[in-house]
Amino acid sequence: MSFPTHRPRRLRTTPAMRRLTAEHRLSAAELILPAFIREGLSEPNPIASMPGVQQHTTETLKRAAAEAVGLGVGGIMLFGIPAVRDATGTASLDPDGVLNKAIRDVRAEVGDELVIMSDVCLDEFTDHGHCGVLDSGGYVDNDATLEIYGRMAVAQAEAGAHVLGPSGMMDGQIAVIRQALEAAGHANTAVVAYAAKYASAFYGPFREAVDSQLKGDRRTYQMDAANRREAILEVELDLEEGADMVMVKPAMSYLDILADVAAMSPVPVAAYQISGEYSMIEAAAANGWIDRRAAITESVLGIKRAGANMVLTYWASELAGWLKES
């Protein structure tokens, strides 16, 4: 390249020029809103560590889903918080339990206008807070957990979920869930595999959001932050087992992983902008240290640029509103 023949700034001269030459754009249809519903609430319960996010009642969850539809948001991911927990997460299988009922309620409210996704994991339902059942030594029993995941998946499909999101990082979970769905006549229910889910320090606010009972950590099943190649192995295994979509979680500190996965995946790739990412931006903005709207937009655009076809973000509806304005 030689100056002045080449002046890249020519394509940055005006907002219209920058819009015309932008390589990536955000779309509301690519956003997924994670939402929490807690059993027994009469009023929504604000989550202190996630300003602007709340544990919903049935009515406020239905309103949030309807609002998302109106804004053109692509999907909603539901997480349920039961009133009673036990060692094996029994409430997760109850057709009238908090999560399965929420799926039915949201499906009745919005039908097929919004992709309804649900969390297939035991951490919200167990009294020890782990994503699976424990053996006598306190270790998460992979295969015993899979049996429950299969039943959970069928219960959520029967409640009306379009997409199931197994997030527990158990070996073989996609295969077991896919087989259970086929056997129960739910061949059209899709599965988004949390294929590369890392043990992260940034999950902290989510623990408050789901009233986690966890003591210790999840490092024996979630991935080690030091590992990059291993993510491709996890994705390949989930694809072989029948995943319809794959996910990288978290997003911010794992954009290299996201780019790797996007480069090799034959199916759509999701990324989850998690609670800690949300809370850091909200806290910095509240202190006047950064421009809130610009930081939110840039953070989600960065995830899209790294290769995500869809982004789970707690700002989904707000960001969709901004996109609609512009």
Protein backbone atom coordinates (compact mmCIF):
# COMPACT_ATOMS: atom_id res chain seq x y z
CA MET A 1 0.00 0.00 0.00
CA SER A 2 1.17 3.53 -0.74
CA PHE A 3 0.02 6.84 0.66
CA PRO A 4 -1.80 8.92 -0.57
CA THR A 5 -3.27 6.39 -3.02
CA HIS A 6 -4.65 4.42 -0.12
CA ARG A 7 -6.56 6.38 2.52
CA PRO A 8 -8.78 3.96 4.51
CA ARG A 9 -10.31 6.95 6.30
CA ARG A 10 -12.29 7.73 3.14
CA LEU A 11 -14.76 5.05 4.18
CA ARG A 12 -15.21 6.58 7.65
CA THR A 13 -16.06 10.14 6.66
CA THR A 14 -19.78 10.23 7.56
CA PRO A 15 -22.30 8.12 9.50
CA ALA A 16 -23.94 7.17 6.21
CA MET A 17 -20.62 6.02 4.76
CA ARG A 18 -19.84 3.99 7.88
CA ARG A 19 -23.27 2.34 7.73
CA LEU A 20 -22.82 1.52 4.06
CA THR A 21 -19.44 -0.14 4.54
CA ALA A 22 -20.07 -1.87 7.88
CA GLU A 23 -18.96 -5.50 7.79
CA HIS A 24 -21.30 -6.67 10.56
CA ARG A 25 -24.71 -5.51 11.74
CA LEU A 26 -26.85 -6.30 14.73
CA SER A 27 -30.37 -7.63 14.26
CA ALA A 28 -33.06 -8.09 16.88
CA ALA A 29 -33.90 -11.45 15.32
CA GLU A 30 -30.48 -12.74 16.40
CA LEU A 31 -30.97 -11.82 20.06
CA ILE A 32 -32.21 -14.18 22.79
CA LEU A 33 -33.51 -12.90 26.13
CA PRO A 34 -32.63 -15.01 29.20
CA ALA A 35 -35.45 -14.77 31.75
CA PHE A 36 -35.94 -16.06 35.30
CA ILE A 37 -39.19 -17.11 36.92
CA ARG A 38 -39.41 -17.89 40.63
CA GLU A 39 -42.14 -20.01 42.14
CA GLY A 40 -44.35 -18.33 44.72
CA LEU A 41 -43.68 -14.69 43.87
CA SER A 42 -46.59 -12.27 43.96
CA GLU A 43 -44.43 -9.40 42.68
CA PRO A 44 -41.29 -9.47 40.53
CA ASN A 45 -38.10 -9.60 42.56
CA PRO A 46 -35.22 -7.34 41.44
CA ILE A 47 -31.79 -9.00 41.27
CA ALA A 48 -29.43 -6.68 43.15
CA SER A 49 -26.26 -7.70 41.31
CA MET A 50 -27.96 -7.37 37.90
CA PRO A 51 -29.65 -3.94 37.85
CA GLY A 52 -32.64 -3.98 35.55
CA VAL A 53 -33.07 -7.78 35.66
CA GLN A 54 -35.65 -9.50 37.86
CA GLN A 55 -37.07 -12.81 38.90
CA HIS A 56 -40.46 -12.85 37.20
CA THR A 57 -43.94 -13.82 38.24
CA THR A 58 -46.08 -15.63 35.68
CA GLU A 59 -47.73 -12.41 34.57
CA THR A 60 -44.54 -10.35 34.25
CA LEU A 61 -42.84 -13.18 32.36
CA LYS A 62 -45.70 -13.32 29.89
CA ARG A 63 -45.49 -9.55 29.44
CA ALA A 64 -41.73 -9.74 28.88
CA ALA A 65 -42.24 -12.43 26.23
CA ALA A 66 -44.96 -10.42 24.50
CA GLU A 67 -42.74 -7.31 24.57
CA ALA A 68 -39.89 -9.31 23.03
CA VAL A 69 -42.19 -10.38 20.20
CA GLY A 70 -43.21 -6.78 19.57
CA LEU A 71 -39.57 -5.73 19.38
CA GLY A 72 -38.63 -8.50 16.97
CA VAL A 73 -36.41 -10.41 19.43
CA GLY A 74 -35.58 -13.89 18.17
CA GLY A 75 -35.97 -16.01 21.28
CA ILE A 76 -36.32 -16.32 25.03
CA MET A 77 -34.38 -18.71 27.30
CA LEU A 78 -36.28 -19.68 30.44
CA PHE A 79 -34.79 -20.54 33.83
CA GLY A 80 -36.99 -21.70 36.71
CA ILE A 81 -36.43 -21.36 40.47
CA PRO A 82 -38.54 -23.81 42.51
CA ALA A 83 -39.83 -23.31 46.03
CA VAL A 84 -38.58 -26.73 47.15
CA ARG A 85 -35.29 -28.40 46.23
CA ASP A 86 -33.87 -31.84 46.91
CA ALA A 87 -30.78 -33.91 46.14
CA THR A 88 -32.00 -35.11 42.74
CA GLY A 89 -33.87 -32.03 41.54
CA THR A 90 -37.28 -33.72 41.56
CA ALA A 91 -39.13 -30.47 40.84
CA SER A 92 -37.53 -30.33 37.41
CA LEU A 93 -39.68 -33.27 36.28
CA ASP A 94 -43.01 -32.03 37.64
CA PRO A 95 -45.30 -31.11 34.71
CA ASP A 96 -46.72 -28.38 36.92
CA GLY A 97 -43.32 -27.32 38.27
CA VAL A 98 -42.15 -23.75 37.89
CA LEU A 99 -40.15 -24.18 34.67
CA ASN A 100 -42.50 -26.51 32.82
CA LYS A 101 -45.48 -24.34 33.73
CA ALA A 102 -43.59 -21.24 32.57
CA ILE A 103 -42.90 -22.87 29.21
CA ARG A 104 -46.62 -23.61 28.78
CA ASP A 105 -47.61 -20.12 29.86
CA VAL A 106 -45.19 -18.39 27.52
CA ARG A 107 -46.12 -20.70 24.62
CA ALA A 108 -49.80 -19.91 25.22
CA GLU A 109 -48.97 -16.19 25.27
CA VAL A 110 -46.78 -15.93 22.14
CA GLY A 111 -47.26 -19.21 20.28
CA ASP A 112 -44.65 -19.64 17.57
CA GLU A 113 -43.86 -15.93 17.24
CA LEU A 114 -40.89 -16.29 19.60
CA VAL A 115 -38.49 -19.23 19.83
CA ILE A 116 -39.02 -20.57 23.34
CA MET A 117 -35.88 -22.13 24.78
CA SER A 118 -35.53 -23.81 28.16
CA ASP A 119 -32.66 -24.76 30.43
CA VAL A 120 -32.13 -28.51 30.80
CA CYS A 121 -30.01 -28.57 33.95
CA LEU A 122 -30.41 -29.49 37.59
CA ASP A 123 -28.48 -26.71 39.30
CA GLU A 124 -31.57 -24.59 40.02
CA PHE A 125 -33.45 -27.63 41.32
CA THR A 126 -30.92 -29.36 43.60
CA ASP A 127 -30.32 -28.53 47.25
CA HIS A 128 -26.56 -28.78 46.66
CA GLY A 129 -26.56 -26.53 43.58
CA HIS A 130 -24.69 -28.86 41.25
CA CYS A 131 -25.78 -29.54 37.69
CA GLY A 132 -26.19 -33.25 38.37
CA VAL A 133 -26.80 -35.78 41.10
CA LEU A 134 -23.98 -36.61 43.51
CA ASP A 135 -22.49 -40.00 44.30
CA SER A 136 -21.56 -41.12 47.81
CA GLY A 137 -18.27 -39.23 47.55
CA GLY A 138 -19.85 -35.96 46.52
CA TYR A 139 -18.73 -36.26 42.89
CA VAL A 140 -21.26 -35.46 40.16
CA ASP A 141 -22.41 -38.79 38.75
CA ASN A 142 -22.41 -38.30 34.99
CA ASP A 143 -24.51 -41.27 33.89
CA ALA A 144 -27.09 -41.04 36.67
CA THR A 145 -27.53 -37.39 35.75
CA LEU A 146 -28.06 -38.23 32.08
CA GLU A 147 -31.09 -40.36 32.92
CA ILE A 148 -32.72 -37.37 34.60
CA TYR A 149 -31.76 -35.03 31.75
CA GLY A 150 -33.56 -37.29 29.31
CA ARG A 151 -36.75 -37.11 31.37
CA MET A 152 -36.39 -33.34 31.87
CA ALA A 153 -36.01 -32.84 28.14
CA VAL A 154 -39.19 -34.76 27.39
CA ALA A 155 -41.12 -32.85 30.06
CA GLN A 156 -39.98 -29.51 28.62
CA ALA A 157 -40.77 -30.57 25.06
CA GLU A 158 -44.24 -31.65 26.14
CA ALA A 159 -44.70 -28.27 27.85
CA GLY A 160 -44.06 -26.58 24.51
CA ALA A 161 -40.39 -25.60 24.31
CA HIS A 162 -39.16 -25.18 20.75
CA VAL A 163 -35.49 -25.58 21.72
CA LEU A 164 -33.87 -27.31 24.68
CA GLY A 165 -30.62 -26.02 26.15
CA PRO A 166 -28.68 -28.71 28.05
CA SER A 167 -26.16 -26.65 30.03
CA GLY A 168 -24.75 -29.16 32.52
CA MET A 169 -21.66 -30.23 30.52
CA MET A 170 -22.23 -33.92 31.19
CA ASP A 171 -20.52 -36.28 28.74
CA GLY A 172 -23.08 -37.75 26.35
CA GLN A 173 -25.91 -35.40 27.30
CA ILE A 174 -26.88 -34.50 23.74
CA ALA A 175 -27.12 -38.14 22.63
CA VAL A 176 -29.27 -39.13 25.62
CA ILE A 177 -31.59 -36.14 25.19
CA ARG A 178 -31.92 -36.64 21.45
CA GLN A 179 -32.77 -40.31 21.93
CA ALA A 180 -35.31 -39.50 24.65
CA LEU A 181 -37.00 -36.90 22.47
CA GLU A 182 -37.21 -39.24 19.49
CA ALA A 183 -38.63 -42.03 21.62
CA ALA A 184 -41.29 -39.69 23.03
CA GLY A 185 -42.36 -38.41 19.62
CA HIS A 186 -40.64 -35.02 19.81
CA ALA A 187 -38.52 -35.34 16.69
CA ASN A 188 -39.02 -31.67 15.81
CA THR A 189 -37.79 -30.28 19.14
CA ALA A 190 -34.37 -28.75 18.56
CA VAL A 191 -31.36 -28.88 20.88
CA VAL A 192 -28.84 -26.10 21.39
CA ALA A 193 -25.79 -27.66 23.00
CA TYR A 194 -23.85 -25.67 25.55
CA ALA A 195 -20.91 -27.29 23.83
CA ALA A 196 -18.08 -25.14 25.16
CA LYS A 197 -19.14 -23.94 28.59
CA TYR A 198 -16.29 -22.81 30.79
CA ALA A 199 -15.92 -22.67 34.56
CA SER A 200 -15.87 -18.89 34.88
CA ALA A 201 -15.50 -16.25 37.56
CA PHE A 202 -18.09 -14.19 35.69
CA TYR A 203 -21.10 -16.33 36.65
CA GLY A 204 -21.36 -14.70 40.07
CA PRO A 205 -24.51 -12.58 39.58
CA PHE A 206 -26.32 -15.53 37.95
CA ARG A 207 -25.93 -17.42 41.22
CA GLU A 208 -28.02 -14.73 42.88
CA ALA A 209 -30.50 -14.75 40.00
CA VAL A 210 -31.28 -18.45 40.52
CA ASP A 211 -30.74 -18.44 44.30
CA SER A 212 -27.96 -21.01 43.84
CA GLN A 213 -27.27 -23.38 46.71
CA LEU A 214 -23.82 -24.25 45.35
CA LYS A 215 -20.91 -24.80 47.71
CA GLY A 216 -17.56 -25.21 46.00
CA ASP A 217 -17.30 -25.08 42.22
CA ARG A 218 -18.11 -26.91 38.98
CA ARG A 219 -14.62 -27.45 37.69
CA THR A 220 -14.97 -31.23 37.38
CA TYR A 221 -17.48 -30.80 34.55
CA GLN A 222 -17.29 -27.27 33.14
CA MET A 223 -14.28 -26.56 30.94
CA ASP A 224 -10.94 -25.18 32.13
CA ALA A 225 -10.35 -21.58 31.06
CA ALA A 226 -6.81 -22.51 29.95
CA ASN A 227 -8.03 -24.85 27.20
CA ARG A 228 -8.73 -23.85 23.62
CA ARG A 229 -8.38 -26.98 21.48
CA GLU A 230 -10.57 -28.94 23.88
CA ALA A 231 -13.51 -26.71 22.91
CA ILE A 232 -13.39 -28.05 19.36
CA LEU A 233 -13.47 -31.62 20.70
CA GLU A 234 -16.53 -30.82 22.80
CA VAL A 235 -18.28 -29.22 19.82
CA GLU A 236 -17.45 -32.15 17.54
CA LEU A 237 -18.84 -34.62 20.05
CA ASP A 238 -22.08 -32.67 20.46
CA LEU A 239 -22.48 -32.43 16.69
CA GLU A 240 -22.00 -36.18 16.36
CA GLU A 241 -24.65 -36.71 19.04
CA GLY A 242 -27.21 -34.62 17.17
CA ALA A 243 -26.94 -31.00 18.33
CA ASP A 244 -28.91 -28.65 16.08
CA MET A 245 -27.03 -25.59 17.33
CA VAL A 246 -23.95 -25.13 19.52
CA MET A 247 -23.09 -22.50 22.10
CA VAL A 248 -19.99 -20.91 23.61
CA LYS A 249 -20.35 -19.59 27.17
CA PRO A 250 -19.20 -17.09 28.42
CA ALA A 251 -18.73 -14.73 25.48
CA MET A 252 -16.48 -11.84 26.49
CA SER A 253 -13.39 -13.70 27.71
CA TYR A 254 -13.83 -16.48 25.14
CA LEU A 255 -14.10 -14.65 21.81
CA ASP A 256 -11.17 -16.70 20.50
CA ILE A 257 -13.10 -19.88 21.27
CA LEU A 258 -16.18 -18.43 19.62
CA ALA A 259 -14.21 -17.60 16.49
CA ASP A 260 -12.72 -21.11 16.41
CA VAL A 261 -16.13 -22.73 16.76
CA ALA A 262 -17.75 -20.45 14.18
CA ALA A 263 -15.02 -21.33 11.69
CA MET A 264 -15.67 -25.08 11.90
CA SER A 265 -19.34 -25.44 12.82
CA PRO A 266 -21.81 -26.59 10.15
CA VAL A 267 -24.71 -25.52 12.39
CA PRO A 268 -25.69 -22.13 13.87
CA VAL A 269 -23.48 -20.87 16.71
CA ALA A 270 -24.76 -19.08 19.80
CA ALA A 271 -22.83 -17.18 22.46
CA TYR A 272 -24.06 -16.25 25.93
CA GLN A 273 -23.18 -12.78 27.22
CA ILE A 274 -23.36 -13.81 30.86
CA SER A 275 -24.35 -12.11 34.08
CA GLY A 276 -20.89 -10.91 35.05
CA GLU A 277 -20.41 -9.26 31.67
CA TYR A 278 -23.76 -7.53 32.07
CA SER A 279 -23.08 -6.42 35.63
CA MET A 280 -19.64 -4.98 34.90
CA ILE A 281 -20.97 -2.75 32.13
CA GLU A 282 -23.96 -1.68 34.22
CA ALA A 283 -21.72 -0.86 37.20
CA ALA A 284 -19.24 1.12 35.11
CA ALA A 285 -22.06 3.01 33.41
CA ALA A 286 -23.75 3.76 36.73
CA ASN A 287 -20.50 5.33 37.91
CA GLY A 288 -20.27 7.47 34.79
CA TRP A 289 -17.10 5.74 33.62
CA ILE A 290 -18.46 4.58 30.25
CA ASP A 291 -21.29 5.42 27.88
CA ARG A 292 -23.88 2.76 28.69
CA ARG A 293 -25.66 2.51 25.35
CA ALA A 294 -22.46 2.63 23.33
CA ALA A 295 -20.78 0.02 25.54
CA ILE A 296 -23.74 -2.36 25.38
CA THR A 297 -23.99 -2.07 21.61
CA GLU A 298 -20.25 -2.48 21.09
CA SER A 299 -20.05 -5.49 23.41
CA VAL A 300 -22.80 -7.37 21.56
CA LEU A 301 -21.41 -6.35 18.17
CA GLY A 302 -18.03 -7.76 19.21
CA ILE A 303 -19.68 -11.12 19.93
CA LYS A 304 -21.40 -11.02 16.54
CA ARG A 305 -18.14 -10.07 14.81
CA ALA A 306 -16.37 -13.03 16.44
CA GLY A 307 -18.81 -15.36 14.69
CA ALA A 308 -22.00 -15.75 16.71
CA ASN A 309 -25.18 -16.25 14.72
CA MET A 310 -27.22 -15.53 17.84
CA VAL A 311 -26.46 -13.87 21.17
CA LEU A 312 -28.08 -14.51 24.52
CA THR A 313 -28.00 -11.18 26.34
CA TYR A 314 -29.97 -9.65 29.19
CA TRP A 315 -30.15 -6.48 27.08
CA ALA A 316 -31.97 -8.28 24.23
CA SER A 317 -35.22 -6.34 24.44
CA GLU A 318 -33.61 -3.00 25.22
CA LEU A 319 -31.11 -3.39 22.41
CA ALA A 320 -33.88 -4.48 20.03
CA GLY A 321 -35.72 -1.29 20.90
CA TRP A 322 -32.66 0.79 20.01
CA LEU A 323 -32.28 -1.06 16.73
CA LYS A 324 -35.94 -0.40 15.95
CA GLU A 325 -35.45 3.31 16.64
CA SER A 326 -32.53 3.52 14.24
